[in-house]
Amino acid sequence: MSELPPLSLYVHIPWCIKKCPYCDFNSHRAPAALPEQAYVSALQRELQHAQRAAAGRPLQSIFFGGGTPSLFSAAAIAAVVDSAKDRMGFVDDIEITLEANPGAAEQQRFSGYRRAGVNRLSIGVQSFDSEQLQRLGRVHDHREAHCAVAMAQRAGFARINIDLMHGLVEQTAAQALADLNCAIDSGVEHISWYQLTLEANTEFYSKPPPLPSEEVLEEIAVRGHQRLLAAGFNHYEVSAYHRGSAARHNLNYWQFGDYLGIGAGAHSKISAWVGGQLQVSRSQNSRRPEDYLSRDNPRAQSRNLAPEELALEFMLNALRLRQGVASELFSQRTGLPPQQIAATVQQLQRRGLLVADTTRLQTTELGYRFLNSVVAAFDQQ
């Protein structure tokens, strides 16, 4: 039996100052009195129960996502970090990321997060254009966006990501590039640059705003990609660019590693050896914060993935990486023999969609353009 995959921890903080009209994440308007201590206690209880699933593996990374984790105090974040270390242990160079929104950011709090062990910030800027921010329902303006990044840098964070959207309401290519230039010029080492999409169960989905034409979206994508490369950024995942370090937590997702998800609505993916076979399971917690806080066992659903699902699950993640993954990782992370996908891989290689390399699973430039079709070829392998 080979070793189990690396293990990460995702911590979901479900509250925001307000719900944005495009957001389909499990986020809820924060009550007047945030139940911070009760929620931290619930997270600590869940960590205790999750200890068995860790199977002795130390955590490679922790990601505080939301919602708006920066609504929580540095003391609350520190309490969760300390509990995770006590229960599972950390690798020496663990990456600990916290999402922060400019409308819920302040210098003292950023410094506190750094003392709590957070060594990477992901700031949800979305745009540096005040008019676009208003249309997106954000609680900050362009001044607060710039200020949040500067405060994080002054607090000593060397590793900062900016979340930035394009294809916004009536946005031109020039406006999108101006936004991107602001992110590049801020000096951050990582930019997550992704297109606004209309997701079900959102206000934008039920009342669609006027978005750019396909021609404008294509121009934005091409010119933006070229601008990022010219600025020294490496395009390593569909919407992720770095000029320092890739996001280790997200790399673990894309390389089909394991992760424990704690908090309201959090997802987990865990591998275990059962009877000499690798079993991969997925689970999800209760979504509503009230339900999560009131239950001893917050898990709402859990299931083992069938062998015929694993190839698609693996490729759905691994092929998002621009350089792909080593071929041997497929068997290591799924427990399936390489012959299971050999015919499909060879077919895609003949069509010029996968690189003709027996040591790597990687799309060609053409395959990356039609990634959804490439991944779909592995369905029900």
Protein backbone atom coordinates (compact mmCIF):
# COMPACT_ATOMS: atom_id res chain seq x y z
CA MET A 1 0.00 0.00 0.00
CA SER A 2 1.27 3.46 -0.88
CA GLU A 3 1.15 6.40 1.49
CA LEU A 4 -2.05 8.35 1.95
CA PRO A 5 -2.22 11.78 0.23
CA PRO A 6 -1.07 14.96 1.99
CA LEU A 7 -3.67 16.47 4.33
CA SER A 8 -4.98 20.05 4.50
CA LEU A 9 -7.59 21.75 6.66
CA TYR A 10 -10.33 24.07 5.43
CA VAL A 11 -12.12 26.21 8.04
CA HIS A 12 -15.36 27.85 6.94
CA ILE A 13 -16.51 31.11 8.55
CA PRO A 14 -20.05 31.57 7.15
CA TRP A 15 -20.84 35.23 7.92
CA CYS A 16 -20.49 38.39 5.82
CA ILE A 17 -21.45 42.01 6.43
CA LYS A 18 -23.93 41.56 3.57
CA LYS A 19 -24.71 39.03 0.85
CA CYS A 20 -23.39 40.00 -2.58
CA PRO A 21 -25.78 39.53 -5.54
CA TYR A 22 -23.37 37.28 -7.47
CA CYS A 23 -22.30 35.03 -4.57
CA ASP A 24 -23.41 31.39 -4.40
CA PHE A 25 -21.07 30.46 -1.53
CA ASN A 26 -22.45 29.37 1.82
CA SER A 27 -22.46 32.87 3.31
CA HIS A 28 -25.01 34.57 5.55
CA ARG A 29 -25.54 38.13 6.76
CA ALA A 30 -23.80 38.52 10.10
CA PRO A 31 -26.05 39.03 13.14
CA ALA A 32 -25.59 42.09 15.33
CA ALA A 33 -23.76 39.94 17.87
CA LEU A 34 -21.51 37.45 16.10
CA PRO A 35 -21.43 34.11 18.02
CA GLU A 36 -17.66 33.98 17.71
CA GLN A 37 -16.83 32.02 20.86
CA ALA A 38 -19.62 29.48 20.34
CA TYR A 39 -18.50 28.93 16.77
CA VAL A 40 -14.84 28.51 17.74
CA SER A 41 -15.88 25.94 20.35
CA ALA A 42 -17.86 24.05 17.70
CA LEU A 43 -14.84 24.09 15.37
CA GLN A 44 -12.63 22.74 18.15
CA ARG A 45 -15.10 19.92 18.86
CA GLU A 46 -15.13 19.04 15.18
CA LEU A 47 -11.33 18.98 15.10
CA GLN A 48 -11.39 16.46 17.92
CA HIS A 49 -13.74 14.18 15.95
CA ALA A 50 -11.69 14.65 12.75
CA GLN A 51 -8.48 13.50 14.38
CA ARG A 52 -9.10 9.87 13.42
CA ALA A 53 -9.52 10.72 9.72
CA ALA A 54 -6.13 12.44 9.77
CA ALA A 55 -4.59 9.00 10.32
CA GLY A 56 -1.45 10.50 11.83
CA ARG A 57 -0.80 12.88 8.94
CA PRO A 58 0.37 16.39 9.86
CA LEU A 59 -1.39 19.30 8.21
CA GLN A 60 0.31 20.74 5.12
CA SER A 61 -1.89 23.84 4.97
CA ILE A 62 -4.88 25.57 6.57
CA PHE A 63 -7.29 27.85 4.73
CA PHE A 64 -9.80 30.08 6.53
CA GLY A 65 -12.51 30.78 3.94
CA GLY A 66 -16.01 32.14 3.91
CA GLY A 67 -17.98 34.20 4.21
CA THR A 68 -15.60 36.75 5.63
CA PRO A 69 -13.09 35.18 8.06
CA SER A 70 -11.65 38.61 8.83
CA LEU A 71 -14.84 39.34 10.80
CA PHE A 72 -13.37 37.05 13.48
CA SER A 73 -10.81 38.35 15.94
CA ALA A 74 -7.17 37.34 15.84
CA ALA A 75 -7.69 35.55 19.17
CA ALA A 76 -10.43 33.40 17.63
CA ILE A 77 -8.26 32.50 14.64
CA ALA A 78 -5.35 31.70 16.96
CA ALA A 79 -7.55 29.39 19.03
CA VAL A 80 -8.46 27.34 15.96
CA VAL A 81 -4.86 27.25 14.70
CA ASP A 82 -3.61 26.11 18.11
CA SER A 83 -6.28 23.39 18.35
CA ALA A 84 -5.41 22.10 14.88
CA LYS A 85 -1.74 21.93 15.80
CA ASP A 86 -2.49 20.11 19.07
CA ARG A 87 -4.78 17.57 17.38
CA MET A 88 -2.90 16.86 14.14
CA GLY A 89 0.47 18.56 14.14
CA PHE A 90 1.96 20.71 11.38
CA VAL A 91 4.69 20.24 8.81
CA ASP A 92 7.54 22.66 9.50
CA ASP A 93 6.66 25.03 6.64
CA ILE A 94 2.87 24.92 6.92
CA GLU A 95 0.96 27.50 4.87
CA ILE A 96 -1.90 29.18 6.76
CA THR A 97 -4.13 31.41 4.63
CA LEU A 98 -6.94 33.69 5.74
CA GLU A 99 -9.45 35.38 3.44
CA ALA A 100 -10.08 39.04 4.18
CA ASN A 101 -12.41 41.60 2.63
CA PRO A 102 -11.38 45.28 2.39
CA GLY A 103 -14.60 46.38 4.09
CA ALA A 104 -13.72 44.25 7.13
CA ALA A 105 -9.99 44.98 7.38
CA GLU A 106 -7.90 47.02 9.76
CA GLN A 107 -4.18 47.30 10.44
CA GLN A 108 -4.29 46.06 14.03
CA ARG A 109 -6.30 42.98 13.06
CA PHE A 110 -3.90 42.06 10.23
CA SER A 111 -0.96 42.27 12.62
CA GLY A 112 -2.89 40.07 15.06
CA TYR A 113 -3.55 37.45 12.41
CA ARG A 114 0.16 37.28 11.65
CA ARG A 115 0.95 36.73 15.33
CA ALA A 116 -1.75 34.01 15.37
CA GLY A 117 0.23 32.03 12.79
CA VAL A 118 -1.40 33.20 9.55
CA ASN A 119 1.35 33.62 6.93
CA ARG A 120 -0.69 34.23 3.78
CA LEU A 121 -3.63 36.57 3.11
CA SER A 122 -6.18 36.35 0.31
CA ILE A 123 -7.92 39.69 -0.13
CA GLY A 124 -11.31 39.77 -1.87
CA VAL A 125 -10.82 42.99 -3.82
CA GLN A 126 -12.88 41.87 -6.90
CA SER A 127 -12.38 45.31 -8.53
CA PHE A 128 -10.54 48.58 -7.98
CA ASP A 129 -13.38 50.52 -9.66
CA SER A 130 -15.81 52.03 -7.13
CA GLU A 131 -18.73 51.99 -9.57
CA GLN A 132 -18.20 48.31 -10.32
CA LEU A 133 -17.84 47.53 -6.62
CA GLN A 134 -21.18 49.19 -5.96
CA ARG A 135 -22.81 47.15 -8.73
CA LEU A 136 -21.30 44.00 -7.21
CA GLY A 137 -22.81 44.85 -3.83
CA ARG A 138 -19.42 45.12 -2.14
CA VAL A 139 -19.12 47.12 1.07
CA HIS A 140 -15.78 48.74 0.12
CA ASP A 141 -14.71 51.30 -2.49
CA HIS A 142 -11.50 51.65 -4.51
CA ARG A 143 -9.70 53.53 -1.71
CA GLU A 144 -10.40 50.78 0.82
CA ALA A 145 -9.30 48.15 -1.72
CA HIS A 146 -5.89 49.80 -2.13
CA CYS A 147 -5.67 50.42 1.60
CA ALA A 148 -6.35 46.78 2.53
CA VAL A 149 -3.46 45.56 0.38
CA ALA A 150 -1.13 48.23 1.78
CA MET A 151 -2.13 47.40 5.37
CA ALA A 152 -1.41 43.71 4.79
CA GLN A 153 2.03 44.58 3.45
CA ARG A 154 2.74 46.90 6.39
CA ALA A 155 1.68 44.11 8.76
CA GLY A 156 4.55 42.04 7.36
CA PHE A 157 2.74 39.67 4.99
CA ALA A 158 5.02 38.72 2.11
CA ARG A 159 2.51 36.29 0.63
CA ILE A 160 -0.67 38.07 -0.47
CA ASN A 161 -3.28 37.04 -3.03
CA ILE A 162 -5.77 39.39 -4.65
CA ASP A 163 -9.08 37.98 -5.88
CA LEU A 164 -10.02 39.96 -8.98
CA MET A 165 -13.01 39.49 -11.28
CA HIS A 166 -13.38 40.44 -14.93
CA GLY A 167 -16.30 40.42 -17.33
CA LEU A 168 -18.17 42.71 -14.95
CA VAL A 169 -21.36 44.67 -15.67
CA GLU A 170 -20.91 46.55 -18.97
CA GLN A 171 -17.14 46.34 -18.51
CA THR A 172 -14.90 47.20 -21.45
CA ALA A 173 -11.55 45.56 -22.14
CA ALA A 174 -9.80 48.83 -21.20
CA GLN A 175 -11.58 48.92 -17.85
CA ALA A 176 -10.75 45.28 -17.12
CA LEU A 177 -7.08 45.87 -17.96
CA ALA A 178 -7.02 48.97 -15.73
CA ASP A 179 -8.29 46.83 -12.86
CA LEU A 180 -5.66 44.20 -13.55
CA ASN A 181 -2.90 46.81 -13.71
CA CYS A 182 -3.90 48.04 -10.24
CA ALA A 183 -3.50 44.50 -8.89
CA ILE A 184 -0.15 44.01 -10.62
CA ASP A 185 1.17 47.40 -9.51
CA SER A 186 0.22 46.71 -5.87
CA GLY A 187 3.20 44.38 -5.61
CA VAL A 188 1.35 41.23 -4.54
CA GLU A 189 2.84 37.87 -5.50
CA HIS A 190 -0.39 36.06 -6.39
CA ILE A 191 -3.51 37.04 -8.36
CA SER A 192 -6.66 34.92 -8.76
CA TRP A 193 -8.19 36.40 -11.91
CA TYR A 194 -11.52 34.94 -12.90
CA GLN A 195 -14.61 35.80 -14.91
CA LEU A 196 -17.89 36.79 -13.29
CA THR A 197 -20.43 34.03 -13.91
CA LEU A 198 -24.14 33.97 -13.13
CA GLU A 199 -24.67 31.15 -10.64
CA ALA A 200 -28.02 29.63 -9.72
CA ASN A 201 -29.64 30.81 -6.48
CA THR A 202 -28.14 34.28 -6.72
CA GLU A 203 -29.74 37.67 -7.29
CA PHE A 204 -27.73 38.15 -10.50
CA TYR A 205 -29.05 34.83 -11.82
CA SER A 206 -32.69 35.78 -11.31
CA LYS A 207 -32.12 39.36 -12.52
CA PRO A 208 -29.17 39.16 -14.95
CA PRO A 209 -27.21 42.41 -15.33
CA PRO A 210 -25.88 43.47 -18.77
CA LEU A 211 -22.55 41.66 -19.16
CA PRO A 212 -19.93 42.13 -21.90
CA SER A 213 -20.32 40.37 -25.24
CA GLU A 214 -18.41 37.17 -26.01
CA GLU A 215 -16.04 39.17 -28.23
CA VAL A 216 -15.21 41.58 -25.38
CA LEU A 217 -14.79 38.69 -22.92
CA GLU A 218 -12.35 37.00 -25.31
CA GLU A 219 -10.38 40.24 -25.70
CA ILE A 220 -10.22 40.68 -21.92
CA ALA A 221 -9.03 37.10 -21.41
CA VAL A 222 -6.32 37.27 -24.08
CA ARG A 223 -4.98 40.74 -23.25
CA GLY A 224 -5.17 40.14 -19.50
CA HIS A 225 -3.26 36.87 -19.77
CA GLN A 226 -0.56 38.57 -21.87
CA ARG A 227 -0.31 41.45 -19.38
CA LEU A 228 0.16 39.08 -16.45
CA LEU A 229 2.88 37.13 -18.24
CA ALA A 230 4.63 40.36 -19.21
CA ALA A 231 4.61 41.39 -15.53
CA GLY A 232 6.46 38.20 -14.59
CA PHE A 233 3.50 36.13 -13.40
CA ASN A 234 3.41 32.38 -13.99
CA HIS A 235 0.04 30.99 -15.13
CA TYR A 236 -0.13 27.75 -13.17
CA GLU A 237 -3.88 27.07 -12.92
CA VAL A 238 -6.98 28.10 -14.91
CA SER A 239 -7.49 31.35 -12.96
CA ALA A 240 -4.33 31.51 -10.81
CA TYR A 241 -1.11 33.41 -11.46
CA HIS A 242 1.94 33.86 -9.22
CA ARG A 243 5.32 35.55 -9.34
CA GLY A 244 6.51 34.11 -6.05
CA SER A 245 4.83 31.03 -4.67
CA ALA A 246 1.82 29.03 -5.80
CA ALA A 247 -0.99 28.55 -3.27
CA ARG A 248 -0.03 25.29 -1.58
CA HIS A 249 -3.50 24.74 -0.16
CA ASN A 250 -5.12 24.99 -3.57
CA LEU A 251 -2.38 22.87 -5.14
CA ASN A 252 -3.34 20.11 -2.74
CA TYR A 253 -6.93 20.27 -4.03
CA TRP A 254 -5.82 20.17 -7.67
CA GLN A 255 -3.41 17.31 -7.04
CA PHE A 256 -6.26 15.30 -5.50
CA GLY A 257 -4.87 15.51 -1.99
CA ASP A 258 -7.00 15.08 1.12
CA TYR A 259 -8.63 17.83 3.11
CA LEU A 260 -10.71 18.07 6.24
CA GLY A 261 -13.44 20.70 6.11
CA ILE A 262 -14.79 22.07 9.37
CA GLY A 263 -17.47 24.69 9.91
CA ALA A 264 -20.95 25.28 8.50
CA GLY A 265 -21.31 23.78 5.02
CA ALA A 266 -17.64 22.74 4.80
CA HIS A 267 -16.68 19.86 2.49
CA SER A 268 -14.14 17.11 3.17
CA LYS A 269 -12.33 14.63 0.93
CA ILE A 270 -10.62 11.81 2.80
CA SER A 271 -8.77 8.67 1.66
CA ALA A 272 -8.33 5.50 3.71
CA TRP A 273 -7.07 1.99 3.09
CA VAL A 274 -9.93 -0.47 3.58
CA GLY A 275 -9.25 -4.17 3.02
CA GLY A 276 -6.19 -3.37 0.93
CA GLN A 277 -8.14 -0.99 -1.33
CA LEU A 278 -7.97 2.79 -1.34
CA GLN A 279 -11.37 4.23 -0.45
CA VAL A 280 -12.09 7.90 -1.19
CA SER A 281 -15.02 9.57 0.54
CA ARG A 282 -16.61 13.00 0.38
CA SER A 283 -18.72 14.63 3.07
CA GLN A 284 -20.44 17.94 3.78
CA ASN A 285 -21.56 19.66 6.97
CA SER A 286 -24.91 21.30 7.65
CA ARG A 287 -25.01 24.59 5.74
CA ARG A 288 -27.00 26.81 8.11
CA PRO A 289 -24.86 28.23 10.95
CA GLU A 290 -27.69 27.68 13.45
CA ASP A 291 -27.87 23.98 12.55
CA TYR A 292 -24.11 23.62 12.70
CA LEU A 293 -23.97 25.17 16.16
CA SER A 294 -26.86 23.12 17.55
CA ARG A 295 -25.69 19.64 16.48
CA ASP A 296 -23.16 17.39 18.16
CA ASN A 297 -22.45 15.86 14.74
CA PRO A 298 -22.63 18.60 12.07
CA ARG A 299 -22.13 16.24 9.13
CA ALA A 300 -25.16 16.37 6.84
CA GLN A 301 -24.08 13.88 4.17
CA SER A 302 -21.25 11.52 3.39
CA ARG A 303 -20.57 8.98 0.67
CA ASN A 304 -17.82 6.79 -0.70
CA LEU A 305 -16.86 7.44 -4.31
CA ALA A 306 -17.38 4.50 -6.64
CA PRO A 307 -14.28 3.33 -8.58
CA GLU A 308 -15.86 4.44 -11.87
CA GLU A 309 -16.16 8.01 -10.52
CA LEU A 310 -12.54 8.41 -9.51
CA ALA A 311 -10.93 9.02 -12.91
CA LEU A 312 -13.26 11.93 -13.65
CA GLU A 313 -12.82 13.35 -10.12
CA PHE A 314 -9.04 13.16 -10.44
CA MET A 315 -8.87 14.72 -13.92
CA LEU A 316 -11.36 17.44 -13.02
CA ASN A 317 -8.75 18.73 -10.60
CA ALA A 318 -5.35 17.69 -12.00
CA LEU A 319 -5.84 18.95 -15.54
CA ARG A 320 -6.63 22.46 -14.27
CA LEU A 321 -2.91 22.73 -13.58
CA ARG A 322 -1.12 24.19 -16.58
CA GLN A 323 1.79 21.77 -16.15
CA GLY A 324 -0.48 18.87 -15.26
CA VAL A 325 0.75 16.18 -12.86
CA ALA A 326 3.09 13.20 -12.92
CA SER A 327 1.32 10.17 -14.45
CA GLU A 328 2.06 8.05 -11.39
CA LEU A 329 -0.04 10.38 -9.23
CA PHE A 330 -3.22 8.98 -10.78
CA SER A 331 -2.73 5.53 -9.23
CA GLN A 332 -1.34 6.92 -5.99
CA ARG A 333 -4.37 9.15 -5.37
CA THR A 334 -7.17 6.91 -6.77
CA GLY A 335 -5.91 3.37 -6.12
CA LEU A 336 -6.76 2.54 -9.75
CA PRO A 337 -4.32 0.93 -12.23
CA PRO A 338 -2.98 3.18 -15.01
CA GLN A 339 -4.54 0.80 -17.56
CA GLN A 340 -7.95 2.10 -16.43
CA ILE A 341 -7.41 5.35 -18.36
CA ALA A 342 -4.75 4.29 -20.86
CA ALA A 343 -7.07 4.06 -23.90
CA THR A 344 -8.64 7.46 -23.20
CA VAL A 345 -5.26 9.10 -22.66
CA GLN A 346 -3.92 7.70 -25.93
CA GLN A 347 -7.01 8.84 -27.82
CA LEU A 348 -6.71 12.37 -26.45
CA GLN A 349 -3.00 12.42 -27.29
CA ARG A 350 -3.74 11.40 -30.88
CA ARG A 351 -6.25 14.27 -31.09
CA GLY A 352 -3.62 16.72 -29.88
CA LEU A 353 -5.44 17.47 -26.62
CA LEU A 354 -3.00 15.81 -24.19
CA VAL A 355 0.79 16.06 -24.33
CA ALA A 356 2.36 12.90 -25.79
CA ASP A 357 4.43 12.13 -22.70
CA THR A 358 4.13 8.85 -20.78
CA THR A 359 5.42 10.48 -17.59
CA ARG A 360 2.87 13.33 -17.37
CA LEU A 361 -0.85 13.94 -17.60
CA GLN A 362 -0.98 17.41 -19.12
CA THR A 363 -3.08 19.19 -21.71
CA THR A 364 -1.67 20.80 -24.81
CA GLU A 365 -2.44 24.45 -25.53
CA LEU A 366 -5.43 23.25 -27.58
CA GLY A 367 -6.56 20.90 -24.82
CA TYR A 368 -6.39 23.68 -22.24
CA ARG A 369 -8.71 25.80 -24.39
CA PHE A 370 -11.22 22.94 -24.45
CA LEU A 371 -10.58 21.68 -20.93
CA ASN A 372 -14.18 20.77 -20.15
CA SER A 373 -14.33 18.43 -23.16
CA VAL A 374 -10.99 16.82 -22.25
CA VAL A 375 -12.11 16.15 -18.67
CA ALA A 376 -15.50 14.80 -19.80
CA ALA A 377 -13.71 12.07 -21.78
CA PHE A 378 -12.81 10.42 -18.46
CA ASP A 379 -16.40 10.11 -17.26
CA GLN A 380 -17.33 6.59 -16.09
CA GLN A 381 -13.86 5.11 -16.74
